[in-house]
């Protein structure tokens, strides 16, 4: 698409794309693919290829938080805005919050994850690169399924904005 997207339209498209392709899951599995930086780069690659725009990291985190996704680390639930960590396992019934290290800085820092399917994130990332010729049949089937859902979403994007009344 060669349209110019307003910030509000971008946010709406990303929020609906997350809701459609990456709904929150119940488990809190730590995986490279549901880590916030991996998710951010995957979404930017996908959005640039499919819609012609990128989204800022903080905007994506805000959209995830507003949609009810849970941010967590190895040690507990976290609030990336406040840089606070609430331990899940604690000897007390009501644990105090503790300072958390800067997210995703490797050894000294804390990796922050989101409760969404890492398998789908990896599949979305595969849509942005040339496919290897030796890809297994089950991965190819998942890739085609996600690709079809993405194409259906893209076809419905214009209708999303027709429903809104014109301001003026």
N, C-alpha and C. Protein backbone atom coordinates (compact mmCIF):
# COMPACT_ATOMS: atom_id res chain seq x y z
N UNK A 1 0.85 -1.18 0.00
CA UNK A 1 0.00 0.00 0.00
C UNK A 1 0.89 1.24 0.00
N UNK A 2 0.52 2.20 -0.81
CA UNK A 2 1.31 3.42 -0.92
C UNK A 2 0.62 4.59 -0.25
N UNK A 3 -0.21 4.32 0.72
CA UNK A 3 -0.94 5.37 1.42
C UNK A 3 -0.06 6.01 2.48
N UNK A 4 -0.43 7.22 2.87
CA UNK A 4 0.19 7.86 4.02
C UNK A 4 -0.70 7.56 5.21
N UNK A 5 -0.11 6.97 6.22
CA UNK A 5 -0.86 6.55 7.39
C UNK A 5 -0.71 7.59 8.50
N UNK A 6 -1.82 8.02 9.07
CA UNK A 6 -1.76 8.91 10.23
C UNK A 6 -1.35 8.07 11.44
N UNK A 7 -0.80 8.71 12.48
CA UNK A 7 -0.44 7.95 13.69
C UNK A 7 -1.61 7.19 14.30
N UNK A 8 -2.79 7.77 14.27
CA UNK A 8 -3.97 7.11 14.83
C UNK A 8 -4.33 5.89 14.00
N UNK A 9 -4.26 6.03 12.67
CA UNK A 9 -4.57 4.90 11.79
C UNK A 9 -3.55 3.78 11.96
N UNK A 10 -2.28 4.15 12.10
CA UNK A 10 -1.23 3.15 12.33
C UNK A 10 -1.50 2.37 13.60
N UNK A 11 -1.79 3.11 14.66
CA UNK A 11 -2.06 2.45 15.94
C UNK A 11 -3.26 1.51 15.85
N UNK A 12 -4.28 1.94 15.13
CA UNK A 12 -5.48 1.12 14.99
C UNK A 12 -5.18 -0.16 14.21
N UNK A 13 -4.41 -0.03 13.12
CA UNK A 13 -4.05 -1.19 12.32
C UNK A 13 -3.22 -2.17 13.14
N UNK A 14 -2.23 -1.65 13.88
CA UNK A 14 -1.36 -2.52 14.67
C UNK A 14 -2.16 -3.20 15.78
N UNK A 15 -3.02 -2.46 16.46
CA UNK A 15 -3.82 -3.05 17.54
C UNK A 15 -4.72 -4.17 17.01
N UNK A 16 -5.35 -3.93 15.87
CA UNK A 16 -6.22 -4.96 15.29
C UNK A 16 -5.41 -6.14 14.74
N UNK A 17 -4.23 -5.86 14.22
CA UNK A 17 -3.36 -6.94 13.74
C UNK A 17 -2.92 -7.83 14.90
N UNK A 18 -2.56 -7.20 16.01
CA UNK A 18 -2.19 -7.97 17.21
C UNK A 18 -3.37 -8.83 17.68
N UNK A 19 -4.54 -8.21 17.73
CA UNK A 19 -5.74 -8.92 18.20
C UNK A 19 -6.09 -10.08 17.27
N UNK A 20 -5.90 -9.88 15.97
CA UNK A 20 -6.26 -10.89 14.98
C UNK A 20 -5.25 -12.03 14.90
N UNK A 21 -3.96 -11.69 14.80
CA UNK A 21 -2.94 -12.72 14.57
C UNK A 21 -2.21 -13.16 15.83
N UNK A 22 -2.14 -12.30 16.83
CA UNK A 22 -1.37 -12.61 18.04
C UNK A 22 -2.18 -12.35 19.30
N UNK A 23 -3.28 -13.05 19.49
CA UNK A 23 -4.06 -12.82 20.71
C UNK A 23 -3.28 -13.28 21.94
N UNK A 24 -3.58 -12.70 23.11
CA UNK A 24 -2.88 -13.14 24.33
C UNK A 24 -3.16 -14.61 24.62
N UNK A 25 -2.16 -15.28 25.17
CA UNK A 25 -2.32 -16.68 25.58
C UNK A 25 -2.29 -16.74 27.10
N UNK A 26 -2.78 -17.85 27.64
CA UNK A 26 -2.88 -17.98 29.09
C UNK A 26 -1.54 -18.27 29.77
N UNK A 27 -0.65 -18.93 29.06
CA UNK A 27 0.61 -19.28 29.73
C UNK A 27 1.63 -18.15 29.64
N UNK A 28 2.64 -18.25 30.47
CA UNK A 28 3.72 -17.25 30.48
C UNK A 28 5.03 -17.96 30.17
N UNK A 29 5.11 -18.43 28.93
CA UNK A 29 6.28 -19.17 28.49
C UNK A 29 7.34 -18.19 27.98
N UNK A 30 8.57 -18.34 28.47
CA UNK A 30 9.67 -17.48 28.03
C UNK A 30 10.31 -18.11 26.80
N UNK A 31 10.33 -17.34 25.72
CA UNK A 31 10.85 -17.82 24.46
C UNK A 31 11.45 -16.64 23.72
N UNK A 32 12.47 -16.87 22.94
CA UNK A 32 13.08 -15.78 22.18
C UNK A 32 12.03 -15.04 21.36
N UNK A 33 11.06 -15.76 20.81
CA UNK A 33 10.09 -15.16 19.91
C UNK A 33 9.04 -14.30 20.60
N UNK A 34 8.82 -14.46 21.91
CA UNK A 34 7.87 -13.57 22.57
C UNK A 34 8.57 -12.56 23.47
N UNK A 35 9.86 -12.38 23.26
CA UNK A 35 10.62 -11.33 23.94
C UNK A 35 10.32 -10.01 23.24
N UNK A 36 10.25 -8.91 23.97
CA UNK A 36 9.73 -7.65 23.42
C UNK A 36 10.56 -7.11 22.25
N UNK A 37 11.87 -7.21 22.29
CA UNK A 37 12.67 -6.69 21.17
C UNK A 37 12.48 -7.54 19.91
N UNK A 38 12.42 -8.85 20.05
CA UNK A 38 12.18 -9.73 18.91
C UNK A 38 10.81 -9.43 18.31
N UNK A 39 9.82 -9.28 19.18
CA UNK A 39 8.47 -8.96 18.72
C UNK A 39 8.45 -7.62 17.99
N UNK A 40 9.14 -6.63 18.54
CA UNK A 40 9.17 -5.30 17.94
C UNK A 40 9.81 -5.32 16.55
N UNK A 41 10.94 -5.99 16.41
CA UNK A 41 11.59 -6.03 15.10
C UNK A 41 10.76 -6.84 14.10
N UNK A 42 10.13 -7.90 14.57
CA UNK A 42 9.27 -8.69 13.68
C UNK A 42 8.09 -7.86 13.20
N UNK A 43 7.44 -7.16 14.12
CA UNK A 43 6.30 -6.33 13.73
C UNK A 43 6.72 -5.22 12.77
N UNK A 44 7.87 -4.60 13.01
CA UNK A 44 8.33 -3.55 12.10
C UNK A 44 8.64 -4.09 10.72
N UNK A 45 9.27 -5.25 10.64
CA UNK A 45 9.54 -5.86 9.33
C UNK A 45 8.24 -6.18 8.61
N UNK A 46 7.30 -6.76 9.32
CA UNK A 46 6.02 -7.13 8.74
C UNK A 46 5.22 -5.90 8.30
N UNK A 47 5.14 -4.91 9.18
CA UNK A 47 4.38 -3.70 8.86
C UNK A 47 4.99 -2.94 7.69
N UNK A 48 6.30 -2.88 7.62
CA UNK A 48 6.95 -2.18 6.51
C UNK A 48 6.68 -2.89 5.19
N UNK A 49 6.77 -4.21 5.18
CA UNK A 49 6.52 -4.95 3.94
C UNK A 49 5.05 -4.93 3.54
N UNK A 50 4.17 -5.11 4.49
CA UNK A 50 2.76 -5.28 4.15
C UNK A 50 1.97 -3.97 4.08
N UNK A 51 2.36 -2.98 4.91
CA UNK A 51 1.57 -1.75 4.99
C UNK A 51 2.37 -0.48 4.70
N UNK A 52 3.69 -0.58 4.64
CA UNK A 52 4.51 0.57 4.28
C UNK A 52 4.81 1.53 5.43
N UNK A 53 4.70 1.10 6.67
CA UNK A 53 5.07 1.96 7.79
C UNK A 53 5.70 1.13 8.89
N UNK A 54 6.35 1.84 9.81
CA UNK A 54 6.93 1.21 11.00
C UNK A 54 6.22 1.76 12.23
N UNK A 55 6.47 1.09 13.35
CA UNK A 55 5.89 1.56 14.61
C UNK A 55 7.01 1.66 15.64
N UNK A 56 6.96 2.69 16.45
CA UNK A 56 7.98 2.88 17.48
C UNK A 56 7.81 1.84 18.57
N UNK A 57 8.93 1.48 19.19
CA UNK A 57 8.96 0.47 20.23
C UNK A 57 7.99 0.83 21.36
N UNK A 58 8.05 2.05 21.86
CA UNK A 58 7.21 2.45 22.99
C UNK A 58 5.73 2.43 22.62
N UNK A 59 5.42 2.82 21.39
CA UNK A 59 4.02 2.78 20.94
C UNK A 59 3.50 1.35 20.92
N UNK A 60 4.34 0.42 20.43
CA UNK A 60 3.94 -0.99 20.42
C UNK A 60 3.73 -1.50 21.84
N UNK A 61 4.62 -1.13 22.76
CA UNK A 61 4.46 -1.57 24.15
C UNK A 61 3.18 -1.01 24.76
N UNK A 62 2.86 0.25 24.45
CA UNK A 62 1.62 0.85 24.95
C UNK A 62 0.39 0.15 24.38
N UNK A 63 0.44 -0.19 23.08
CA UNK A 63 -0.69 -0.90 22.47
C UNK A 63 -0.87 -2.27 23.10
N UNK A 64 0.24 -2.96 23.36
CA UNK A 64 0.16 -4.27 24.00
C UNK A 64 -0.43 -4.16 25.41
N UNK A 65 0.04 -3.18 26.16
CA UNK A 65 -0.44 -2.98 27.53
C UNK A 65 -1.93 -2.64 27.53
N UNK A 66 -2.34 -1.74 26.63
CA UNK A 66 -3.75 -1.33 26.56
C UNK A 66 -4.66 -2.48 26.12
N UNK A 67 -4.11 -3.42 25.36
CA UNK A 67 -4.90 -4.57 24.89
C UNK A 67 -4.96 -5.69 25.93
N UNK A 68 -4.29 -5.52 27.06
CA UNK A 68 -4.37 -6.51 28.12
C UNK A 68 -3.29 -7.57 28.12
N UNK A 69 -2.26 -7.40 27.32
CA UNK A 69 -1.16 -8.36 27.34
C UNK A 69 -0.38 -8.21 28.65
N UNK A 70 0.23 -9.29 29.09
CA UNK A 70 0.97 -9.30 30.34
C UNK A 70 2.47 -9.31 30.03
N UNK A 71 3.20 -8.42 30.67
CA UNK A 71 4.65 -8.37 30.54
C UNK A 71 5.24 -9.11 31.74
N UNK A 72 6.24 -9.94 31.49
CA UNK A 72 6.84 -10.69 32.58
C UNK A 72 8.31 -10.96 32.28
N UNK A 73 9.03 -11.32 33.32
CA UNK A 73 10.44 -11.69 33.20
C UNK A 73 10.59 -13.09 33.78
N UNK A 74 11.81 -13.53 33.88
CA UNK A 74 12.07 -14.83 34.49
C UNK A 74 11.62 -14.84 35.95
N UNK A 75 11.71 -13.68 36.59
CA UNK A 75 11.46 -13.60 38.02
C UNK A 75 10.06 -13.15 38.41
N UNK A 76 9.28 -12.63 37.47
CA UNK A 76 7.95 -12.19 37.86
C UNK A 76 7.30 -11.29 36.83
N UNK A 77 6.16 -10.72 37.21
CA UNK A 77 5.44 -9.79 36.36
C UNK A 77 6.15 -8.45 36.40
N UNK A 78 6.04 -7.68 35.32
CA UNK A 78 6.72 -6.38 35.35
C UNK A 78 5.90 -5.31 34.66
N UNK A 79 6.24 -4.10 34.96
CA UNK A 79 5.67 -2.92 34.32
C UNK A 79 6.83 -2.20 33.66
N UNK A 80 7.00 -2.34 32.33
CA UNK A 80 8.14 -1.73 31.66
C UNK A 80 8.19 -0.21 31.79
N UNK A 81 7.03 0.44 31.92
CA UNK A 81 7.04 1.90 32.07
C UNK A 81 7.66 2.33 33.38
N UNK A 82 7.30 1.65 34.46
CA UNK A 82 7.78 2.04 35.78
C UNK A 82 9.11 1.39 36.13
N UNK A 83 9.56 0.45 35.28
CA UNK A 83 10.79 -0.31 35.56
C UNK A 83 10.68 -0.99 36.92
N UNK A 84 9.50 -1.55 37.19
CA UNK A 84 9.25 -2.23 38.46
C UNK A 84 8.95 -3.69 38.17
N UNK A 85 9.35 -4.53 39.07
CA UNK A 85 9.14 -5.96 38.95
C UNK A 85 8.40 -6.45 40.19
N UNK A 86 7.33 -7.18 39.99
CA UNK A 86 6.58 -7.76 41.11
C UNK A 86 6.84 -9.26 41.09
N UNK A 87 7.61 -9.77 42.02
CA UNK A 87 7.94 -11.20 41.99
C UNK A 87 6.70 -12.08 42.07
N UNK A 88 6.72 -13.16 41.28
CA UNK A 88 5.62 -14.10 41.32
C UNK A 88 5.77 -15.02 42.52
N UNK A 89 6.97 -15.52 42.74
CA UNK A 89 7.22 -16.40 43.88
C UNK A 89 7.89 -15.57 44.97
N UNK A 90 7.27 -15.52 46.11
CA UNK A 90 7.81 -14.72 47.20
C UNK A 90 7.44 -15.36 48.52
N UNK A 91 8.30 -15.22 49.53
CA UNK A 91 7.95 -15.80 50.83
C UNK A 91 6.82 -15.06 51.53
N UNK A 92 6.50 -13.85 51.10
CA UNK A 92 5.42 -13.10 51.74
C UNK A 92 4.17 -13.15 50.89
N UNK A 93 3.04 -12.90 51.51
CA UNK A 93 1.79 -12.94 50.79
C UNK A 93 1.64 -11.74 49.85
N UNK A 94 2.08 -10.57 50.28
CA UNK A 94 1.99 -9.37 49.48
C UNK A 94 3.39 -8.82 49.25
N UNK A 95 4.09 -9.30 48.22
CA UNK A 95 5.48 -8.87 48.01
C UNK A 95 5.57 -7.42 47.58
N UNK A 96 6.65 -6.79 48.00
CA UNK A 96 6.92 -5.42 47.55
C UNK A 96 7.48 -5.47 46.14
N UNK A 97 7.32 -4.37 45.42
CA UNK A 97 7.91 -4.29 44.10
C UNK A 97 9.40 -3.99 44.26
N UNK A 98 10.19 -4.46 43.33
CA UNK A 98 11.63 -4.20 43.36
C UNK A 98 12.04 -3.58 42.04
N UNK A 99 13.15 -2.83 42.06
CA UNK A 99 13.67 -2.24 40.84
C UNK A 99 14.13 -3.34 39.90
N UNK A 100 13.91 -3.15 38.61
CA UNK A 100 14.40 -4.13 37.66
C UNK A 100 15.44 -3.50 36.77
N UNK A 101 16.34 -4.30 36.29
CA UNK A 101 17.40 -3.81 35.41
C UNK A 101 16.80 -3.39 34.08
N UNK A 102 17.57 -2.64 33.31
CA UNK A 102 17.13 -2.23 31.98
C UNK A 102 16.80 -3.48 31.16
N UNK A 103 15.63 -3.54 30.53
CA UNK A 103 15.25 -4.74 29.79
C UNK A 103 16.19 -5.04 28.62
N UNK A 104 16.30 -6.30 28.32
CA UNK A 104 16.99 -6.83 27.15
C UNK A 104 18.41 -6.32 26.96
N UNK A 105 19.19 -6.25 28.03
CA UNK A 105 20.58 -5.87 27.89
C UNK A 105 21.51 -7.06 28.11
N UNK A 106 20.99 -8.23 27.95
CA UNK A 106 21.85 -9.41 28.05
C UNK A 106 22.19 -9.76 29.48
N UNK A 107 23.45 -10.04 29.72
CA UNK A 107 23.86 -10.60 31.00
C UNK A 107 23.46 -9.78 32.21
N UNK A 108 23.65 -8.47 32.19
CA UNK A 108 23.35 -7.68 33.37
C UNK A 108 21.90 -7.27 33.46
N UNK A 109 21.15 -7.44 32.38
CA UNK A 109 19.78 -6.95 32.35
C UNK A 109 18.76 -8.04 32.45
N UNK A 110 17.52 -7.65 32.27
CA UNK A 110 16.40 -8.56 32.38
C UNK A 110 15.68 -8.60 31.04
N UNK A 111 15.44 -9.79 30.54
CA UNK A 111 14.64 -9.92 29.32
C UNK A 111 13.17 -9.84 29.70
N UNK A 112 12.42 -9.08 28.92
CA UNK A 112 11.00 -8.89 29.18
C UNK A 112 10.23 -9.61 28.07
N UNK A 113 9.24 -10.40 28.48
CA UNK A 113 8.46 -11.21 27.56
C UNK A 113 7.00 -10.78 27.60
N UNK A 114 6.24 -11.20 26.59
CA UNK A 114 4.82 -10.89 26.49
C UNK A 114 4.06 -12.21 26.32
N UNK A 115 2.87 -12.29 26.89
CA UNK A 115 2.09 -13.53 26.81
C UNK A 115 1.38 -13.67 25.47
N UNK A 116 2.15 -14.03 24.45
CA UNK A 116 1.59 -14.33 23.14
C UNK A 116 2.34 -15.51 22.55
N UNK A 117 1.84 -16.06 21.48
CA UNK A 117 2.40 -17.27 20.90
C UNK A 117 3.70 -16.98 20.15
N UNK A 118 4.79 -17.49 20.67
CA UNK A 118 6.07 -17.33 20.00
C UNK A 118 6.11 -18.03 18.66
N UNK A 119 5.35 -19.10 18.53
CA UNK A 119 5.31 -19.86 17.27
C UNK A 119 4.75 -18.98 16.14
N UNK A 120 3.72 -18.22 16.45
CA UNK A 120 3.12 -17.35 15.43
C UNK A 120 4.05 -16.18 15.12
N UNK A 121 4.73 -15.64 16.13
CA UNK A 121 5.68 -14.55 15.90
C UNK A 121 6.80 -15.02 14.97
N UNK A 122 7.34 -16.21 15.22
CA UNK A 122 8.38 -16.75 14.35
C UNK A 122 7.85 -16.96 12.92
N UNK A 123 6.61 -17.39 12.81
CA UNK A 123 6.01 -17.59 11.49
C UNK A 123 5.83 -16.26 10.77
N UNK A 124 5.39 -15.23 11.50
CA UNK A 124 5.27 -13.90 10.89
C UNK A 124 6.62 -13.39 10.42
N UNK A 125 7.67 -13.67 11.20
CA UNK A 125 9.01 -13.26 10.79
C UNK A 125 9.44 -14.00 9.52
N UNK A 126 9.05 -15.26 9.40
CA UNK A 126 9.37 -16.03 8.19
C UNK A 126 8.71 -15.44 6.95
N UNK A 127 7.58 -14.78 7.13
CA UNK A 127 6.90 -14.14 5.99
C UNK A 127 7.71 -12.98 5.42
N UNK A 128 8.67 -12.47 6.19
CA UNK A 128 9.43 -11.29 5.75
C UNK A 128 10.75 -11.66 5.09
N UNK A 129 11.05 -12.94 4.99
CA UNK A 129 12.32 -13.38 4.40
C UNK A 129 12.04 -14.43 3.33
N UNK A 130 13.00 -14.64 2.42
CA UNK A 130 12.83 -15.74 1.45
C UNK A 130 12.80 -17.08 2.17
N UNK A 131 11.94 -17.95 1.73
CA UNK A 131 11.79 -19.25 2.39
C UNK A 131 12.91 -20.21 1.96
N UNK A 132 13.44 -20.95 2.90
CA UNK A 132 14.44 -21.96 2.54
C UNK A 132 13.78 -23.10 1.76
N UNK A 133 14.48 -23.69 0.81
CA UNK A 133 13.86 -24.75 0.01
C UNK A 133 13.59 -26.03 0.80
N UNK A 134 14.25 -26.20 1.94
CA UNK A 134 14.07 -27.43 2.70
C UNK A 134 13.14 -27.27 3.90
N UNK A 135 12.22 -26.31 3.83
CA UNK A 135 11.29 -26.10 4.94
C UNK A 135 10.34 -27.29 5.06
N UNK A 136 10.12 -27.72 6.31
CA UNK A 136 9.27 -28.90 6.53
C UNK A 136 7.82 -28.61 6.16
N UNK A 137 7.09 -29.67 5.89
CA UNK A 137 5.70 -29.55 5.45
C UNK A 137 4.81 -28.92 6.51
N UNK A 138 5.03 -29.28 7.79
CA UNK A 138 4.17 -28.72 8.84
C UNK A 138 4.44 -27.23 9.04
N UNK A 139 5.70 -26.81 8.93
CA UNK A 139 6.00 -25.38 9.04
C UNK A 139 5.45 -24.62 7.84
N UNK A 140 5.53 -25.23 6.67
CA UNK A 140 5.00 -24.61 5.47
C UNK A 140 3.48 -24.46 5.56
N UNK A 141 2.82 -25.46 6.14
CA UNK A 141 1.37 -25.40 6.33
C UNK A 141 1.00 -24.27 7.30
N UNK A 142 1.74 -24.15 8.41
CA UNK A 142 1.50 -23.06 9.36
C UNK A 142 1.76 -21.71 8.70
N UNK A 143 2.82 -21.63 7.92
CA UNK A 143 3.16 -20.40 7.23
C UNK A 143 2.04 -19.99 6.26
N UNK A 144 1.53 -20.94 5.51
CA UNK A 144 0.44 -20.65 4.57
C UNK A 144 -0.83 -20.24 5.30
N UNK A 145 -1.10 -20.84 6.45
CA UNK A 145 -2.27 -20.49 7.25
C UNK A 145 -2.16 -19.04 7.75
N UNK A 146 -1.00 -18.70 8.31
CA UNK A 146 -0.80 -17.34 8.82
C UNK A 146 -0.81 -16.34 7.68
N UNK A 147 -0.23 -16.71 6.55
CA UNK A 147 -0.22 -15.83 5.38
C UNK A 147 -1.64 -15.56 4.89
N UNK A 148 -2.48 -16.59 4.87
CA UNK A 148 -3.87 -16.42 4.45
C UNK A 148 -4.62 -15.51 5.43
N UNK A 149 -4.39 -15.68 6.73
CA UNK A 149 -5.03 -14.82 7.73
C UNK A 149 -4.57 -13.37 7.58
N UNK A 150 -3.28 -13.18 7.27
CA UNK A 150 -2.74 -11.83 7.06
C UNK A 150 -3.35 -11.19 5.81
N UNK A 151 -3.46 -11.96 4.74
CA UNK A 151 -4.06 -11.44 3.50
C UNK A 151 -5.53 -11.07 3.73
N UNK A 152 -6.24 -11.88 4.49
CA UNK A 152 -7.64 -11.57 4.81
C UNK A 152 -7.72 -10.28 5.64
N UNK A 153 -6.79 -10.13 6.59
CA UNK A 153 -6.76 -8.91 7.40
C UNK A 153 -6.49 -7.70 6.51
N UNK A 154 -5.51 -7.82 5.62
CA UNK A 154 -5.18 -6.70 4.71
C UNK A 154 -6.37 -6.32 3.84
N UNK A 155 -7.12 -7.31 3.39
CA UNK A 155 -8.29 -7.03 2.56
C UNK A 155 -9.37 -6.29 3.34
N UNK A 156 -9.42 -6.50 4.65
CA UNK A 156 -10.43 -5.84 5.48
C UNK A 156 -10.00 -4.49 6.04
N UNK A 157 -8.74 -4.11 5.87
CA UNK A 157 -8.25 -2.85 6.44
C UNK A 157 -9.02 -1.64 5.93
N UNK A 158 -9.28 -1.48 4.62
CA UNK A 158 -10.05 -0.31 4.19
C UNK A 158 -11.42 -0.21 4.85
N UNK A 159 -12.07 -1.33 5.08
CA UNK A 159 -13.39 -1.33 5.71
C UNK A 159 -13.33 -0.85 7.16
N UNK A 160 -12.19 -1.02 7.81
CA UNK A 160 -12.04 -0.58 9.19
C UNK A 160 -12.18 0.92 9.32
N UNK A 161 -11.74 1.64 8.30
CA UNK A 161 -11.75 3.10 8.36
C UNK A 161 -13.02 3.71 7.76
N UNK A 162 -13.78 2.93 7.01
CA UNK A 162 -15.03 3.42 6.45
C UNK A 162 -16.12 3.52 7.51
N UNK A 163 -15.98 2.72 8.58
CA UNK A 163 -16.99 2.71 9.63
C UNK A 163 -16.99 3.96 10.48
N UNK A 164 -15.85 4.66 10.50
CA UNK A 164 -15.74 5.86 11.34
C UNK A 164 -16.41 7.04 10.65
N UNK A 165 -17.18 7.84 11.41
CA UNK A 165 -17.78 9.03 10.82
C UNK A 165 -16.72 10.10 10.58
N UNK A 166 -16.92 10.86 9.52
CA UNK A 166 -15.99 11.94 9.18
C UNK A 166 -16.12 13.07 10.19
N UNK A 167 -14.97 13.61 10.61
CA UNK A 167 -15.01 14.77 11.52
C UNK A 167 -14.92 16.03 10.67
N UNK A 168 -15.60 17.05 11.07
CA UNK A 168 -15.48 18.27 10.29
C UNK A 168 -16.51 19.20 10.55
